[in-house]
Amino acid sequence: MIEFTSEVLIWFWLGVFIISIILEAATVDFVALWFAVAALPSFILSLVGAPLWLQVITFLLVAILLLAFTRPYMVKYFKTNRTKTNVHAAIGKIAVVTEEITPNQIGSVKLRGISWSAISNYPIKKNAEVRILDIEGVKLIVEPIE
């Protein structure tokens, strides 16, 4: 059985720090980073010989507080330049009506060579250009371009 001596705990917290940094570098999800930061006060407490329970509680409190209060801001700040992919990249694009659209009827449009079902609050004639406002299921929500 491992005895939790001061020296073992120093290496343990250093290991938690290093492993968390490696995991964060591999995932870049701003989760493991906070465990690395939380390991530092516990590492310092182990250096001064604080009891194990204090080290563990400090680690858990710091990790939880950092995750709760700083992660949302970091995610918002660092992940702002994400490019929309797949179907959501179509929002704001221009399509051509291939089958007339009326407010109570589903029509169709062609976008990048692909035919889509489309709905609108406005009547739109065949061959008119429309702007894609949103996507609802497999239908594009469009508006006429004036």
N, C-alpha and C. Protein backbone atom coordinates (compact mmCIF):
# COMPACT_ATOMS: atom_id res chain seq x y z
N MET A 1 0.84 -1.18 0.00
CA MET A 1 0.00 0.00 0.00
C MET A 1 0.89 1.24 0.00
N ILE A 2 0.50 2.23 -0.79
CA ILE A 2 1.29 3.45 -0.89
C ILE A 2 1.00 4.34 0.31
N GLU A 3 2.06 4.80 0.92
CA GLU A 3 1.92 5.73 2.03
C GLU A 3 2.01 7.13 1.46
N PHE A 4 1.04 7.96 1.80
CA PHE A 4 0.99 9.31 1.26
C PHE A 4 1.92 10.23 2.03
N THR A 5 3.20 10.09 1.77
CA THR A 5 4.18 10.96 2.41
C THR A 5 4.21 12.29 1.67
N SER A 6 4.83 13.23 2.26
CA SER A 6 4.93 14.55 1.66
C SER A 6 5.59 14.47 0.28
N GLU A 7 6.62 13.65 0.16
CA GLU A 7 7.33 13.53 -1.11
C GLU A 7 6.45 12.89 -2.19
N VAL A 8 5.68 11.89 -1.83
CA VAL A 8 4.78 11.24 -2.79
C VAL A 8 3.72 12.23 -3.27
N LEU A 9 3.18 13.04 -2.36
CA LEU A 9 2.16 14.01 -2.74
C LEU A 9 2.71 15.11 -3.63
N ILE A 10 3.95 15.50 -3.39
CA ILE A 10 4.58 16.51 -4.25
C ILE A 10 4.62 15.98 -5.68
N TRP A 11 5.07 14.75 -5.86
CA TRP A 11 5.13 14.16 -7.19
C TRP A 11 3.75 13.91 -7.77
N PHE A 12 2.79 13.57 -6.91
CA PHE A 12 1.43 13.33 -7.38
C PHE A 12 0.85 14.61 -7.99
N TRP A 13 0.93 15.73 -7.27
CA TRP A 13 0.36 16.99 -7.78
C TRP A 13 1.12 17.49 -9.00
N LEU A 14 2.41 17.26 -9.04
CA LEU A 14 3.18 17.61 -10.22
C LEU A 14 2.73 16.77 -11.42
N GLY A 15 2.45 15.48 -11.18
CA GLY A 15 1.94 14.60 -12.23
C GLY A 15 0.57 15.03 -12.72
N VAL A 16 -0.30 15.41 -11.80
CA VAL A 16 -1.64 15.89 -12.19
C VAL A 16 -1.49 17.12 -13.07
N PHE A 17 -0.60 18.02 -12.69
CA PHE A 17 -0.36 19.24 -13.47
C PHE A 17 0.11 18.89 -14.88
N ILE A 18 1.11 18.05 -14.99
CA ILE A 18 1.69 17.71 -16.30
C ILE A 18 0.69 16.96 -17.17
N ILE A 19 0.00 15.98 -16.61
CA ILE A 19 -0.99 15.21 -17.38
C ILE A 19 -2.13 16.12 -17.85
N SER A 20 -2.56 17.04 -17.00
CA SER A 20 -3.63 17.96 -17.39
C SER A 20 -3.19 18.87 -18.53
N ILE A 21 -1.95 19.34 -18.49
CA ILE A 21 -1.45 20.19 -19.57
C ILE A 21 -1.39 19.39 -20.88
N ILE A 22 -0.95 18.16 -20.81
CA ILE A 22 -0.88 17.32 -22.01
C ILE A 22 -2.28 17.06 -22.56
N LEU A 23 -3.24 16.74 -21.69
CA LEU A 23 -4.63 16.52 -22.15
C LEU A 23 -5.22 17.78 -22.77
N GLU A 24 -4.94 18.93 -22.17
CA GLU A 24 -5.46 20.18 -22.71
C GLU A 24 -4.86 20.46 -24.08
N ALA A 25 -3.59 20.21 -24.23
CA ALA A 25 -2.94 20.42 -25.53
C ALA A 25 -3.52 19.49 -26.58
N ALA A 26 -3.92 18.31 -26.17
CA ALA A 26 -4.48 17.33 -27.12
C ALA A 26 -5.92 17.66 -27.49
N THR A 27 -6.69 18.25 -26.58
CA THR A 27 -8.12 18.47 -26.84
C THR A 27 -8.49 19.92 -27.11
N VAL A 28 -7.84 20.87 -26.49
CA VAL A 28 -8.12 22.30 -26.59
C VAL A 28 -9.59 22.60 -26.31
N ASP A 29 -10.12 22.00 -25.25
CA ASP A 29 -11.52 22.22 -24.87
C ASP A 29 -11.67 23.05 -23.60
N PHE A 30 -10.60 23.57 -23.07
CA PHE A 30 -10.60 24.37 -21.85
C PHE A 30 -11.26 23.65 -20.68
N VAL A 31 -10.93 22.39 -20.51
CA VAL A 31 -11.39 21.63 -19.35
C VAL A 31 -10.19 21.20 -18.53
N ALA A 32 -9.28 20.49 -19.13
CA ALA A 32 -8.11 19.98 -18.41
C ALA A 32 -7.21 21.11 -17.93
N LEU A 33 -7.26 22.24 -18.60
CA LEU A 33 -6.45 23.40 -18.20
C LEU A 33 -6.74 23.81 -16.76
N TRP A 34 -8.01 23.77 -16.38
CA TRP A 34 -8.38 24.21 -15.03
C TRP A 34 -7.90 23.21 -13.98
N PHE A 35 -7.81 21.94 -14.33
CA PHE A 35 -7.27 20.96 -13.40
C PHE A 35 -5.77 21.17 -13.22
N ALA A 36 -5.11 21.58 -14.28
CA ALA A 36 -3.68 21.89 -14.17
C ALA A 36 -3.47 23.08 -13.24
N VAL A 37 -4.27 24.11 -13.41
CA VAL A 37 -4.17 25.29 -12.54
C VAL A 37 -4.54 24.94 -11.11
N ALA A 38 -5.55 24.10 -10.93
CA ALA A 38 -5.98 23.70 -9.59
C ALA A 38 -4.94 22.83 -8.88
N ALA A 39 -4.11 22.14 -9.65
CA ALA A 39 -3.07 21.31 -9.05
C ALA A 39 -1.95 22.15 -8.42
N LEU A 40 -1.78 23.38 -8.89
CA LEU A 40 -0.69 24.22 -8.38
C LEU A 40 -0.82 24.56 -6.89
N PRO A 41 -1.99 25.04 -6.41
CA PRO A 41 -2.09 25.30 -4.97
C PRO A 41 -1.93 24.03 -4.13
N SER A 42 -2.43 22.92 -4.64
CA SER A 42 -2.27 21.65 -3.92
C SER A 42 -0.80 21.23 -3.91
N PHE A 43 -0.10 21.49 -4.98
CA PHE A 43 1.34 21.22 -5.04
C PHE A 43 2.08 22.06 -4.00
N ILE A 44 1.73 23.33 -3.92
CA ILE A 44 2.36 24.21 -2.93
C ILE A 44 2.04 23.75 -1.51
N LEU A 45 0.79 23.36 -1.28
CA LEU A 45 0.41 22.86 0.05
C LEU A 45 1.19 21.60 0.40
N SER A 46 1.44 20.74 -0.60
CA SER A 46 2.21 19.53 -0.32
C SER A 46 3.67 19.87 -0.01
N LEU A 47 4.18 20.94 -0.61
CA LEU A 47 5.56 21.37 -0.33
C LEU A 47 5.73 21.82 1.12
N VAL A 48 4.70 22.45 1.68
CA VAL A 48 4.78 22.93 3.07
C VAL A 48 4.28 21.90 4.07
N GLY A 49 3.88 20.72 3.58
CA GLY A 49 3.49 19.64 4.48
C GLY A 49 2.06 19.70 4.97
N ALA A 50 1.16 20.33 4.23
CA ALA A 50 -0.25 20.39 4.63
C ALA A 50 -0.86 18.99 4.55
N PRO A 51 -1.89 18.73 5.34
CA PRO A 51 -2.51 17.40 5.32
C PRO A 51 -3.18 17.10 3.98
N LEU A 52 -3.28 15.82 3.67
CA LEU A 52 -3.84 15.37 2.40
C LEU A 52 -5.26 15.90 2.19
N TRP A 53 -6.11 15.87 3.21
CA TRP A 53 -7.49 16.31 3.06
C TRP A 53 -7.54 17.78 2.61
N LEU A 54 -6.65 18.61 3.12
CA LEU A 54 -6.62 20.02 2.74
C LEU A 54 -6.18 20.17 1.28
N GLN A 55 -5.23 19.37 0.86
CA GLN A 55 -4.75 19.42 -0.52
C GLN A 55 -5.86 19.02 -1.50
N VAL A 56 -6.57 17.94 -1.15
CA VAL A 56 -7.65 17.46 -2.03
C VAL A 56 -8.79 18.45 -2.08
N ILE A 57 -9.21 18.99 -0.95
CA ILE A 57 -10.31 19.97 -0.92
C ILE A 57 -9.91 21.22 -1.69
N THR A 58 -8.68 21.67 -1.53
CA THR A 58 -8.20 22.84 -2.26
C THR A 58 -8.24 22.58 -3.76
N PHE A 59 -7.77 21.42 -4.16
CA PHE A 59 -7.79 21.05 -5.58
C PHE A 59 -9.21 21.07 -6.13
N LEU A 60 -10.14 20.42 -5.43
CA LEU A 60 -11.52 20.34 -5.90
C LEU A 60 -12.19 21.71 -5.94
N LEU A 61 -12.01 22.52 -4.91
CA LEU A 61 -12.63 23.84 -4.88
C LEU A 61 -12.09 24.74 -5.99
N VAL A 62 -10.78 24.76 -6.15
CA VAL A 62 -10.20 25.61 -7.19
C VAL A 62 -10.65 25.15 -8.57
N ALA A 63 -10.65 23.84 -8.81
CA ALA A 63 -11.06 23.31 -10.11
C ALA A 63 -12.52 23.65 -10.41
N ILE A 64 -13.39 23.45 -9.44
CA ILE A 64 -14.82 23.72 -9.65
C ILE A 64 -15.06 25.21 -9.87
N LEU A 65 -14.43 26.05 -9.07
CA LEU A 65 -14.62 27.49 -9.23
C LEU A 65 -14.09 27.99 -10.58
N LEU A 66 -12.94 27.49 -10.97
CA LEU A 66 -12.39 27.90 -12.27
C LEU A 66 -13.27 27.43 -13.42
N LEU A 67 -13.74 26.19 -13.34
CA LEU A 67 -14.62 25.68 -14.40
C LEU A 67 -15.92 26.48 -14.48
N ALA A 68 -16.48 26.79 -13.33
CA ALA A 68 -17.77 27.48 -13.30
C ALA A 68 -17.68 28.94 -13.72
N PHE A 69 -16.61 29.63 -13.30
CA PHE A 69 -16.59 31.07 -13.49
C PHE A 69 -15.68 31.57 -14.62
N THR A 70 -14.69 30.81 -15.02
CA THR A 70 -13.80 31.32 -16.05
C THR A 70 -13.90 30.58 -17.39
N ARG A 71 -14.28 29.31 -17.37
CA ARG A 71 -14.35 28.55 -18.61
C ARG A 71 -15.30 29.17 -19.63
N PRO A 72 -16.52 29.59 -19.23
CA PRO A 72 -17.42 30.18 -20.24
C PRO A 72 -16.81 31.40 -20.95
N TYR A 73 -16.08 32.23 -20.22
CA TYR A 73 -15.46 33.40 -20.83
C TYR A 73 -14.31 33.02 -21.75
N MET A 74 -13.54 32.03 -21.34
CA MET A 74 -12.42 31.58 -22.17
C MET A 74 -12.93 30.95 -23.47
N VAL A 75 -13.96 30.14 -23.38
CA VAL A 75 -14.53 29.52 -24.57
C VAL A 75 -15.05 30.59 -25.51
N LYS A 76 -15.76 31.56 -24.96
CA LYS A 76 -16.32 32.64 -25.78
C LYS A 76 -15.21 33.46 -26.42
N TYR A 77 -14.15 33.75 -25.68
CA TYR A 77 -13.07 34.59 -26.17
C TYR A 77 -12.21 33.89 -27.21
N PHE A 78 -11.88 32.63 -26.99
CA PHE A 78 -10.95 31.93 -27.86
C PHE A 78 -11.60 31.17 -29.01
N LYS A 79 -12.90 30.94 -28.98
CA LYS A 79 -13.54 30.17 -30.03
C LYS A 79 -14.52 31.02 -30.84
N THR A 80 -14.14 32.26 -31.11
CA THR A 80 -15.03 33.15 -31.83
C THR A 80 -14.92 33.02 -33.34
N ASN A 81 -13.81 32.55 -33.84
CA ASN A 81 -13.60 32.51 -35.29
C ASN A 81 -13.90 31.16 -35.91
N ARG A 82 -14.84 30.44 -35.36
CA ARG A 82 -15.19 29.15 -35.92
C ARG A 82 -15.97 29.35 -37.21
N THR A 83 -15.64 28.57 -38.19
CA THR A 83 -16.34 28.62 -39.47
C THR A 83 -17.51 27.66 -39.41
N LYS A 84 -18.66 28.15 -39.84
CA LYS A 84 -19.83 27.28 -39.89
C LYS A 84 -19.59 26.23 -40.96
N THR A 85 -19.99 25.02 -40.66
CA THR A 85 -19.80 23.95 -41.63
C THR A 85 -21.13 23.32 -41.96
N ASN A 86 -21.09 22.46 -42.93
CA ASN A 86 -22.27 21.71 -43.34
C ASN A 86 -23.41 22.62 -43.72
N VAL A 87 -24.59 22.27 -43.31
CA VAL A 87 -25.79 22.93 -43.77
C VAL A 87 -25.94 24.36 -43.22
N HIS A 88 -25.45 24.63 -42.04
CA HIS A 88 -25.63 25.96 -41.46
C HIS A 88 -24.80 27.02 -42.17
N ALA A 89 -23.85 26.60 -42.96
CA ALA A 89 -23.08 27.55 -43.76
C ALA A 89 -23.94 28.15 -44.86
N ALA A 90 -25.09 27.55 -45.15
CA ALA A 90 -25.98 28.05 -46.20
C ALA A 90 -26.76 29.28 -45.77
N ILE A 91 -26.88 29.53 -44.47
CA ILE A 91 -27.65 30.67 -44.00
C ILE A 91 -27.00 31.96 -44.50
N GLY A 92 -27.82 32.81 -45.12
CA GLY A 92 -27.33 34.06 -45.68
C GLY A 92 -26.98 33.95 -47.16
N LYS A 93 -26.92 32.76 -47.69
CA LYS A 93 -26.57 32.56 -49.11
C LYS A 93 -27.79 32.82 -50.00
N ILE A 94 -27.51 32.92 -51.29
CA ILE A 94 -28.55 33.17 -52.29
C ILE A 94 -28.85 31.87 -53.04
N ALA A 95 -30.14 31.60 -53.22
CA ALA A 95 -30.58 30.41 -53.96
C ALA A 95 -31.57 30.87 -55.04
N VAL A 96 -31.87 29.99 -55.97
CA VAL A 96 -32.82 30.28 -57.05
C VAL A 96 -34.03 29.38 -56.90
N VAL A 97 -35.22 29.97 -56.99
CA VAL A 97 -36.46 29.22 -56.84
C VAL A 97 -36.67 28.37 -58.09
N THR A 98 -36.90 27.07 -57.88
CA THR A 98 -37.15 26.15 -59.01
C THR A 98 -38.61 25.72 -59.06
N GLU A 99 -39.32 25.91 -57.95
CA GLU A 99 -40.76 25.62 -57.89
C GLU A 99 -41.39 26.71 -57.03
N GLU A 100 -42.39 27.37 -57.55
CA GLU A 100 -43.00 28.53 -56.89
C GLU A 100 -43.30 28.27 -55.40
N ILE A 101 -43.05 29.29 -54.60
CA ILE A 101 -43.29 29.21 -53.16
C ILE A 101 -44.42 30.16 -52.81
N THR A 102 -45.40 29.67 -52.07
CA THR A 102 -46.46 30.53 -51.54
C THR A 102 -46.46 30.38 -50.03
N PRO A 103 -47.07 31.34 -49.33
CA PRO A 103 -47.04 31.27 -47.86
C PRO A 103 -47.59 29.99 -47.26
N ASN A 104 -48.50 29.31 -47.91
CA ASN A 104 -49.06 28.08 -47.36
C ASN A 104 -48.56 26.82 -48.06
N GLN A 105 -47.65 26.96 -49.00
CA GLN A 105 -47.17 25.84 -49.79
C GLN A 105 -45.65 25.77 -49.77
N ILE A 106 -45.15 24.56 -49.74
CA ILE A 106 -43.71 24.36 -49.81
C ILE A 106 -43.30 24.36 -51.27
N GLY A 107 -42.29 25.13 -51.59
CA GLY A 107 -41.74 25.15 -52.95
C GLY A 107 -40.37 24.51 -52.92
N SER A 108 -39.57 24.81 -53.92
CA SER A 108 -38.20 24.30 -53.90
C SER A 108 -37.26 25.34 -54.47
N VAL A 109 -36.02 25.24 -54.02
CA VAL A 109 -34.96 26.14 -54.49
C VAL A 109 -33.74 25.30 -54.82
N LYS A 110 -32.85 25.88 -55.59
CA LYS A 110 -31.60 25.22 -55.91
C LYS A 110 -30.47 26.06 -55.31
N LEU A 111 -29.64 25.38 -54.52
CA LEU A 111 -28.49 26.02 -53.88
C LEU A 111 -27.27 25.17 -54.16
N ARG A 112 -26.29 25.76 -54.83
CA ARG A 112 -25.05 25.06 -55.18
C ARG A 112 -25.32 23.73 -55.90
N GLY A 113 -26.30 23.76 -56.77
CA GLY A 113 -26.61 22.57 -57.57
C GLY A 113 -27.46 21.54 -56.86
N ILE A 114 -27.88 21.81 -55.64
CA ILE A 114 -28.68 20.85 -54.88
C ILE A 114 -30.08 21.44 -54.69
N SER A 115 -31.09 20.61 -54.91
CA SER A 115 -32.47 21.04 -54.75
C SER A 115 -32.91 20.87 -53.29
N TRP A 116 -33.55 21.92 -52.75
CA TRP A 116 -34.03 21.93 -51.37
C TRP A 116 -35.50 22.30 -51.34
N SER A 117 -36.23 21.77 -50.36
CA SER A 117 -37.57 22.26 -50.08
C SER A 117 -37.41 23.61 -49.41
N ALA A 118 -38.34 24.52 -49.70
CA ALA A 118 -38.22 25.86 -49.12
C ALA A 118 -39.59 26.40 -48.76
N ILE A 119 -39.62 27.19 -47.70
CA ILE A 119 -40.85 27.86 -47.28
C ILE A 119 -40.55 29.34 -47.09
N SER A 120 -41.62 30.13 -47.19
CA SER A 120 -41.48 31.57 -47.04
C SER A 120 -42.81 32.17 -46.60
N ASN A 121 -42.74 33.33 -46.03
CA ASN A 121 -43.95 34.08 -45.67
C ASN A 121 -44.44 34.92 -46.84
N TYR A 122 -43.71 34.88 -47.93
CA TYR A 122 -44.02 35.70 -49.10
C TYR A 122 -44.23 34.79 -50.32
N PRO A 123 -45.09 35.20 -51.26
CA PRO A 123 -45.19 34.46 -52.52
C PRO A 123 -43.94 34.76 -53.36
N ILE A 124 -43.33 33.72 -53.90
CA ILE A 124 -42.12 33.91 -54.69
C ILE A 124 -42.25 33.09 -55.98
N LYS A 125 -42.02 33.74 -57.10
CA LYS A 125 -42.15 33.12 -58.41
C LYS A 125 -40.92 32.28 -58.76
N LYS A 126 -41.12 31.37 -59.70
CA LYS A 126 -40.04 30.52 -60.21
C LYS A 126 -38.95 31.41 -60.82
N ASN A 127 -37.69 31.00 -60.66
CA ASN A 127 -36.49 31.66 -61.16
C ASN A 127 -36.10 32.93 -60.37
N ALA A 128 -36.86 33.28 -59.35
CA ALA A 128 -36.49 34.44 -58.52
C ALA A 128 -35.36 34.04 -57.57
N GLU A 129 -34.56 35.01 -57.21
CA GLU A 129 -33.50 34.75 -56.23
C GLU A 129 -34.03 35.01 -54.83
N VAL A 130 -33.60 34.16 -53.89
CA VAL A 130 -34.02 34.28 -52.50
C VAL A 130 -32.80 34.20 -51.58
N ARG A 131 -32.94 34.78 -50.42
CA ARG A 131 -31.89 34.70 -49.40
C ARG A 131 -32.34 33.68 -48.35
N ILE A 132 -31.43 32.83 -47.94
CA ILE A 132 -31.74 31.80 -46.94
C ILE A 132 -31.61 32.42 -45.55
N LEU A 133 -32.72 32.39 -44.80
CA LEU A 133 -32.75 32.98 -43.47
C LEU A 133 -32.40 31.97 -42.38
N ASP A 134 -32.89 30.74 -42.57
CA ASP A 134 -32.70 29.72 -41.53
C ASP A 134 -32.96 28.35 -42.14
N ILE A 135 -32.75 27.34 -41.33
CA ILE A 135 -33.01 25.98 -41.76
C ILE A 135 -33.86 25.32 -40.70
N GLU A 136 -34.97 24.75 -41.13
CA GLU A 136 -35.89 24.07 -40.22
C GLU A 136 -36.06 22.64 -40.70
N GLY A 137 -35.42 21.73 -40.01
CA GLY A 137 -35.44 20.34 -40.46
C GLY A 137 -34.70 20.21 -41.77
N VAL A 138 -35.44 19.82 -42.83
CA VAL A 138 -34.83 19.70 -44.16
C VAL A 138 -35.34 20.79 -45.11
N LYS A 139 -35.99 21.80 -44.56
CA LYS A 139 -36.51 22.91 -45.37
C LYS A 139 -35.71 24.19 -45.09
N LEU A 140 -35.49 24.92 -46.17
CA LEU A 140 -34.87 26.23 -46.03
C LEU A 140 -35.96 27.27 -45.84
N ILE A 141 -35.74 28.18 -44.94
CA ILE A 141 -36.65 29.31 -44.76
C ILE A 141 -36.02 30.47 -45.52
N VAL A 142 -36.77 31.00 -46.50
CA VAL A 142 -36.20 31.97 -47.41
C VAL A 142 -37.04 33.24 -47.45
N GLU A 143 -36.44 34.29 -48.02
CA GLU A 143 -37.16 35.53 -48.29
C GLU A 143 -36.73 36.02 -49.67
N PRO A 144 -37.62 36.70 -50.35
CA PRO A 144 -37.26 37.21 -51.68
C PRO A 144 -36.23 38.33 -51.58
N ILE A 145 -35.39 38.41 -52.60
CA ILE A 145 -34.43 39.52 -52.67
C ILE A 145 -35.08 40.59 -53.53
N GLU A 146 -35.23 41.76 -52.98
CA GLU A 146 -35.88 42.88 -53.70
C GLU A 146 -34.87 43.68 -54.44
